[in-house]
Protein backbone atom coordinates (compact mmCIF):
# COMPACT_ATOMS: atom_id res chain seq x y z
CA MET A 1 6.14 30.17 5.24
CA LYS A 2 7.91 32.79 2.92
CA ILE A 3 11.86 33.07 2.83
CA THR A 4 13.05 36.61 1.92
CA ILE A 5 16.57 36.48 0.55
CA VAL A 6 18.43 40.04 0.36
CA THR A 7 21.10 40.77 -2.02
CA ALA A 8 23.21 43.71 -2.00
CA THR A 9 25.01 44.47 -5.27
CA TYR A 10 27.20 46.81 -6.96
CA ASN A 11 27.87 46.66 -10.73
CA ARG A 12 27.59 42.92 -11.00
CA ARG A 13 24.54 42.36 -13.03
CA ASP A 14 26.24 39.23 -14.96
CA LEU A 15 26.38 37.69 -11.78
CA LEU A 16 22.71 37.84 -10.56
CA LYS A 17 21.57 35.78 -13.14
CA ARG A 18 23.04 32.41 -11.46
CA LEU A 19 21.35 33.32 -8.20
CA PHE A 20 18.18 34.02 -9.70
CA THR A 21 18.12 30.68 -11.43
CA SER A 22 19.01 29.03 -8.31
CA LEU A 23 16.05 30.53 -6.66
CA GLU A 24 13.45 29.73 -9.46
CA ALA A 25 15.03 25.85 -9.09
CA GLN A 26 13.93 25.57 -5.65
CA ARG A 27 10.59 24.60 -6.68
CA TYR A 28 9.27 26.53 -3.57
CA GLU A 29 6.15 28.46 -3.89
CA ASP A 30 7.00 31.44 -1.43
CA ILE A 31 10.22 33.08 -1.90
CA GLU A 32 10.92 36.90 -1.91
CA TRP A 33 14.08 38.17 -3.35
CA ILE A 34 14.95 41.86 -2.80
CA VAL A 35 18.04 43.06 -5.02
CA VAL A 36 19.50 46.42 -3.59
CA ASP A 37 21.40 48.34 -5.94
CA ASP A 38 24.21 50.38 -4.05
CA GLY A 39 24.43 53.41 -6.93
CA GLY A 40 25.83 51.15 -9.57
CA SER A 41 26.68 52.60 -13.20
CA ASP A 42 25.54 49.55 -15.04
CA ASP A 43 21.96 48.34 -16.19
CA THR A 44 21.35 46.07 -13.01
CA GLU A 45 17.69 47.37 -12.85
CA GLU A 46 16.99 46.16 -16.16
CA VAL A 47 18.22 43.12 -15.88
CA VAL A 48 16.37 42.58 -12.69
CA GLN A 49 12.99 43.61 -14.18
CA ALA A 50 13.66 41.06 -17.21
CA PHE A 51 13.93 38.37 -14.54
CA ARG A 52 10.52 39.29 -13.17
CA LYS A 53 8.48 38.86 -16.87
CA SER A 54 8.89 35.02 -16.03
CA ALA A 55 9.91 34.60 -12.51
CA ALA A 56 7.72 32.51 -9.89
CA VAL A 57 9.88 34.05 -7.37
CA ASP A 58 8.40 37.50 -5.92
CA ILE A 59 11.51 40.12 -7.02
CA ARG A 60 11.72 43.35 -5.31
CA PHE A 61 14.10 46.03 -6.56
CA LEU A 62 15.66 49.17 -4.67
CA ARG A 63 18.12 51.34 -5.89
CA LYS A 64 19.82 53.67 -3.45
CA GLU A 65 22.64 56.38 -3.48
CA ASN A 66 26.02 54.50 -3.04
CA SER A 67 26.54 54.13 0.63
CA GLY A 68 28.69 50.70 1.11
CA LYS A 69 27.74 47.16 1.46
CA ASP A 70 26.67 46.81 4.83
CA ALA A 71 24.09 49.96 4.50
CA THR A 72 22.73 48.41 1.51
CA VAL A 73 21.86 45.40 2.97
CA ASN A 74 20.61 47.03 5.97
CA ALA A 75 18.12 48.86 3.06
CA GLY A 76 17.01 45.28 1.91
CA LEU A 77 16.44 44.28 5.63
CA ASP A 78 13.97 47.04 6.19
CA LEU A 79 11.93 45.72 3.25
CA ALA A 80 12.01 42.07 4.14
CA GLY A 81 8.41 40.78 4.26
CA GLY A 82 9.30 36.66 4.72
CA ASP A 83 9.34 34.51 7.88
CA LEU A 84 12.80 33.89 7.64
CA VAL A 85 15.44 36.04 6.20
CA ALA A 86 18.95 35.50 4.70
CA VAL A 87 21.66 37.93 3.23
CA ILE A 88 23.28 36.32 0.20
CA ASP A 89 26.12 37.87 -1.68
CA ASP A 90 25.31 38.27 -5.44
CA ASP A 91 28.09 35.98 -6.39
CA ASP A 92 26.77 33.09 -4.28
CA TYR A 93 23.84 30.72 -5.31
CA PHE A 94 21.52 27.95 -3.63
CA VAL A 95 22.14 24.33 -3.98
CA PRO A 96 19.06 23.04 -5.92
CA ASN A 97 15.87 21.80 -3.82
CA VAL A 98 17.19 22.76 -0.10
CA PHE A 99 14.26 25.44 0.56
CA ARG A 100 11.91 22.70 1.67
CA GLN A 101 14.29 21.39 4.05
CA ILE A 102 14.80 25.03 5.35
CA ALA A 103 11.21 25.43 5.99
CA ASP A 104 10.75 22.06 7.43
CA ASP A 105 13.61 23.09 9.88
CA TYR A 106 11.86 26.53 10.58
CA ALA A 107 8.64 24.78 11.42
CA LYS A 108 10.66 22.99 14.34
CA ILE A 109 12.02 26.36 16.03
CA ALA A 110 9.01 28.71 14.84
CA GLU A 111 7.29 28.60 18.07
CA ASP A 112 10.74 28.93 20.32
CA ASP A 113 11.29 32.46 21.12
CA GLU A 114 14.62 31.55 22.39
CA VAL A 115 15.91 30.50 18.99
CA ALA A 116 16.28 33.08 16.33
CA GLY A 117 17.07 31.20 13.28
CA LEU A 118 18.80 28.30 11.25
CA SER A 119 22.57 28.19 10.36
CA TYR A 120 23.82 25.80 7.23
CA LEU A 121 27.03 24.85 5.72
CA THR A 122 28.18 26.36 2.19
CA GLN A 123 30.81 24.43 -0.05
CA ASP A 124 32.38 25.22 -3.25
CA PRO A 125 31.13 24.62 -6.69
CA SER A 126 33.00 20.95 -6.41
CA GLY A 127 31.08 19.91 -3.41
CA LYS A 128 33.75 20.70 -0.92
CA VAL A 129 32.22 22.30 2.70
CA TRP A 130 33.69 25.65 3.36
CA GLY A 131 35.44 25.70 6.98
CA ARG A 132 34.45 23.39 9.64
CA MET A 133 31.08 21.62 10.23
CA PHE A 134 29.29 22.11 13.67
CA PRO A 135 30.20 19.55 16.37
CA LEU A 136 26.87 18.29 16.55
CA ASN A 137 23.90 18.27 13.89
CA TYR A 138 20.90 20.35 14.91
CA MET A 139 23.02 21.99 17.48
CA ILE A 140 20.97 24.69 19.76
CA SER A 141 23.63 27.05 20.68
CA ASP A 142 24.60 30.48 19.67
CA HIS A 143 27.58 32.29 17.94
CA PHE A 144 29.90 32.81 20.98
CA ASP A 145 29.77 29.22 22.29
CA CYS A 146 29.34 27.28 19.14
CA ARG A 147 31.39 29.33 16.41
CA ILE A 148 33.81 31.30 18.50
CA ASN A 149 34.60 29.14 21.31
CA GLN A 150 34.85 25.84 19.09
CA LYS A 151 36.50 27.65 16.22
CA ILE A 152 34.23 26.76 13.57
CA TRP A 153 35.58 28.92 10.73
CA GLY A 154 34.36 29.42 7.44
CA ASP A 155 31.21 31.16 5.80
CA LYS A 156 28.03 29.62 6.95
CA CYS A 157 24.30 30.48 5.61
CA GLU A 158 22.29 32.14 7.99
CA PHE A 159 18.53 32.30 8.19
CA THR A 160 16.63 34.72 10.92
CA LYS A 161 13.59 34.85 12.20
CA ALA A 162 12.13 38.28 10.94
CA THR A 163 10.43 39.01 13.97
CA VAL A 164 13.85 38.80 15.63
CA LEU A 165 15.64 41.61 13.38
CA ARG A 166 12.29 43.83 13.32
CA ASP A 167 11.63 43.75 16.98
CA ASN A 168 15.28 44.14 18.48
CA HIS A 169 16.10 46.00 15.39
CA ILE A 170 19.29 44.00 14.81
CA ARG A 171 21.14 45.38 11.44
CA PHE A 172 24.83 45.31 10.13
CA LEU A 173 26.97 47.78 11.20
CA ALA A 174 27.40 50.47 8.65
CA THR A 175 30.71 52.48 9.16
CA LYS A 176 31.76 56.10 7.45
CA THR A 177 34.70 54.19 5.76
CA ARG A 178 33.26 51.63 3.10
CA GLY A 179 34.35 47.97 2.82
CA GLY A 180 36.37 46.19 5.54
CA PHE A 181 35.23 42.90 7.26
CA GLY A 182 33.94 41.77 10.34
CA ALA A 183 30.18 43.18 9.82
CA ASP A 184 28.52 39.97 9.51
CA THR A 185 30.14 38.52 12.79
CA LEU A 186 29.08 41.66 14.56
CA PHE A 187 25.56 41.01 13.48
CA LEU A 188 25.56 37.40 14.40
CA SER A 189 26.95 38.52 18.05
CA SER A 190 24.07 41.12 18.25
CA ILE A 191 21.92 37.96 17.59
CA ALA A 192 23.54 35.83 20.23
CA GLU A 193 23.52 38.49 22.74
CA ARG A 194 19.63 37.29 23.30
CA PHE A 195 18.79 34.41 21.31
CA LYS A 196 20.22 30.97 20.50
CA THR A 197 20.47 29.37 16.79
CA CYS A 198 19.99 25.84 15.52
CA TYR A 199 23.21 24.77 13.62
CA ILE A 200 22.77 22.20 10.85
CA ASN A 201 25.28 20.20 8.65
CA THR A 202 23.92 20.58 5.70
CA ALA A 203 25.28 22.48 2.81
CA VAL A 204 22.57 24.67 1.20
CA LEU A 205 24.58 27.51 -0.71
CA TYR A 206 27.52 27.66 -2.94
CA LYS A 207 30.53 30.24 -2.10
CA ASN A 208 33.21 31.02 -4.40
CA PHE A 209 36.45 32.81 -2.70
CA TYR A 210 38.54 35.00 -5.25
CA GLU A 211 42.04 35.83 -4.68
CA THR A 212 41.06 39.59 -4.49
CA GLY A 213 38.51 38.69 -2.06
CA ILE A 214 38.47 39.57 1.84
CA ALA A 215 39.14 36.18 3.01
CA VAL A 216 42.77 36.03 1.15
CA ASN A 217 43.45 40.07 1.68
CA TRP A 218 41.83 40.40 4.98
CA ARG A 219 44.66 42.63 6.06
CA GLN A 220 44.58 44.80 3.72
CA LYS A 221 40.90 45.12 3.92
CA GLY A 222 40.82 45.43 7.51
CA LEU A 223 43.21 48.17 7.74
CA LEU A 224 41.58 49.98 4.88
CA ASN A 225 38.30 50.45 7.54
CA PRO A 226 40.11 50.42 11.11
CA GLU A 227 36.70 51.85 12.49
CA LEU A 228 34.77 48.09 11.47
CA SER A 229 37.75 46.22 12.41
CA ALA A 230 38.15 47.77 15.88
CA ALA A 231 34.54 46.85 16.62
CA TYR A 232 35.10 43.50 15.10
CA TYR A 233 38.28 42.87 17.49
CA ALA A 234 36.47 44.12 20.46
CA CYS A 235 33.28 41.99 20.02
CA PHE A 236 35.75 38.79 21.10
CA GLN A 237 36.11 40.67 24.38
CA HIS A 238 32.39 39.29 25.28
CA ARG A 239 32.22 37.87 28.70
CA ARG A 240 31.16 34.18 27.17
CA VAL A 241 34.30 33.92 25.05
CA HIS A 242 36.93 31.64 26.36
CA LEU A 243 39.82 33.79 27.72
CA ARG A 244 42.57 32.47 25.28
CA ILE A 245 40.51 33.40 22.49
CA ARG A 246 39.66 36.83 24.05
CA LEU A 247 43.60 37.52 24.39
CA ARG A 248 44.40 36.60 20.82
CA TYR A 249 41.97 39.12 19.75
CA MET A 250 43.09 41.58 22.53
CA VAL A 251 46.33 41.55 20.80
CA ALA A 252 44.27 42.21 17.49
CA TYR A 253 42.55 45.22 19.24
CA ILE A 254 45.28 46.92 20.43
CA ALA A 255 47.08 46.61 17.22
CA ILE A 256 43.98 47.97 15.11
CA THR A 257 43.72 50.83 17.59
CA TYR A 258 47.35 51.89 17.74
CA TYR A 259 47.66 51.77 13.96
CA ALA A 260 44.45 54.05 13.45
CA GLY A 261 45.38 56.24 16.44
CA TYR A 262 41.73 55.55 18.31
CA PRO A 263 41.17 55.51 22.19
CA LEU A 264 42.45 52.25 23.85
CA LEU A 265 39.82 50.99 25.85
CA PRO A 266 36.17 50.99 25.16
CA PRO A 267 33.46 49.63 27.44
CA SER A 268 33.61 45.89 26.29
CA VAL A 269 37.49 46.26 27.25
CA GLN A 270 37.04 47.82 30.53
CA THR A 271 35.97 44.55 32.76
CA PRO A 272 38.29 42.95 35.40
CA TRP A 273 39.39 39.97 32.97
CA ASN A 274 39.74 41.69 30.15
CA ARG A 275 41.94 44.56 31.96
CA ALA A 276 44.32 41.81 32.86
CA LEU A 277 44.20 40.64 29.37
CA PHE A 278 44.91 44.09 28.05
CA VAL A 279 48.19 44.16 30.23
CA LEU A 280 49.50 41.02 28.82
CA ALA A 281 48.40 41.99 25.28
CA TYR A 282 49.78 45.52 25.29
CA LEU A 283 53.20 45.04 24.01
CA PRO A 284 52.54 42.41 21.19
CA GLY A 285 49.63 44.50 19.88
CA MET A 286 51.90 47.65 19.58
CA MET A 287 54.54 45.77 17.65
CA ILE A 288 51.76 44.30 15.41
CA GLY A 289 50.24 47.63 14.96
CA ALA A 290 53.65 49.06 14.11
CA ARG A 291 54.16 45.95 11.40
CA TRP A 292 50.88 47.18 10.21
CA LYS A 293 51.81 50.90 9.91
CA LYS A 294 54.73 49.50 7.68
CA TYR A 295 52.08 47.68 5.49
CA ARG A 296 50.42 50.89 4.78
CA LYS A 297 53.56 53.00 4.16
CA SER A 298 54.79 50.37 1.61
CA GLY A 299 51.33 49.56 0.00
CA SER A 300 52.09 45.76 0.40
CA TYR A 301 49.98 43.30 2.58
CA PRO A 302 50.67 39.73 2.90
CA GLN A 303 47.85 37.50 1.90
CA ALA A 304 46.30 34.33 3.64
CA ARG A 305 46.13 31.97 0.72
CA HIS A 306 45.07 28.91 2.66
CA TRP A 307 41.39 30.32 2.82
CA MET A 308 41.31 29.23 -0.98
CA GLU A 309 41.13 25.65 0.01
CA PRO A 310 37.84 24.35 1.21
CA LYS A 311 38.24 21.15 3.88
CA ASN A 312 36.45 18.15 3.28
């Protein structure tokens, strides 16, 4: 069973070695690593070619014109040849010797057409789990019912069947404006529209969060790409999301559309319950949108530093 890792990178050649070393340390015989350079100006290609000389891992490299992370990830997904596919950032790296467990877990769902893949925990370099654990180990659910409705926050490590991605053409939303946040949630929600996922309380990936990153600076990142933010907030209006959660994100949706000057009512909002939520959320949403406009004018955006502290 082949595992494909897709990594989009941009002028971060020095970080790739740690991820490469963690893949080599898996001692798993069938790994494909696809590195896509988003038009960077450093010598990432030469670094990756040097890895190839001694690698047990099958490494593929693609260099493309700069178009942003999400479009770059999609280019890698188009090349993926494994049975399971994971999108891994260039500053993340795997826990040693976890790919054998991933392969064993995949064998349990390989023939189940209703299950799209596997979702694992992540941890910081000290071993503390990021975010909340899943309610049950080996829980069969989906992104709406498990992650959103039960508020299982924090980055996870997702492995998806290549056939699901290929046959349903599930990709990341690539917007005209680069950056922002929420594309991963939209990606997982697209999977949840048709499939379930197996959630496993094992940490398989080390993740680092930085004071310059999205987790801390989500307001600034989101406001710089309101197109992606609007799509992200609108996806929480799905019929399977609890009403109290829908209301919270309806407020945010109205705020971002007011901030950006977008039309207020996309199809996902025009359902009976969502119309009622829209009425309740309208005034607070407009007030928050006005506050966000002040952030843009002043150039000062509040941070969310609580994300810097992983939970046990």
